[in-house]
Amino acid sequence: MYLHNFYLNPMFDPSGPRPGADAHNCTVGYVSEYKPPSLYPGVNLTTINDGDGFAQVPHPGLPRETPLVLAANTYADEGGRPLYGSWLECWGYDRSGTWRTLGGTNGGMSAEFTIPGERKEPPQIVFRAPGKAGQRINMWCIFVGAKADYEEFQLLAPGSPFAGNLMPLPLGGGLA
């Protein structure tokens, strides 16, 4: 049996795509760069000025017309909330041609969502920062894939979408 996490760089390896190069109103740090490295690699976003802050990663390989879920573990500073939406979101075009959030989670697993197949523009995985300056959100164990795969990962690594060593590929997601 193959379990697939479609998130492009679940280990947040520096050689792979990571949020941050195009961050808006936030700084981005990577748990994968801690010494010693964490078994649960992730990302943290710290808001620069009050307002919406986010960073995104295009994901051209996400399956279309297939039910997907997002999942993540999150920990925000006391009182920290995203100004809009959820901490982790998938953005893309809906069937009417509107660019919007297709799915999102504030921690744990999202409801199922589907990326329509009509449009060719890649959807984006968006990481949101808290709405207040100086606040930080930590997100780790990022998962994008089928609900059944997420549930199987839960059996293999209870309490987390996956253990870091179950996602060994730095590019293109991982198979267990």
Foldseek 3Di string as FASTA:
>chain_A
DKFWFQPFFQLVDVVEDDWAPPKDQWHKDWQCPDVVGDQWIWMKIAGAAQAKIKTKDFRQPDDAPDWKKKAKAKDKDVPFDGPDDEQKFKWDQDPVRDTDTQWHDNHGIIGIGGHHDPDNGTIMIMGIAGRHHGIMMIITLIGMGDPVSQVVQCVVPPPGSHGSVQFPDRGRTRID
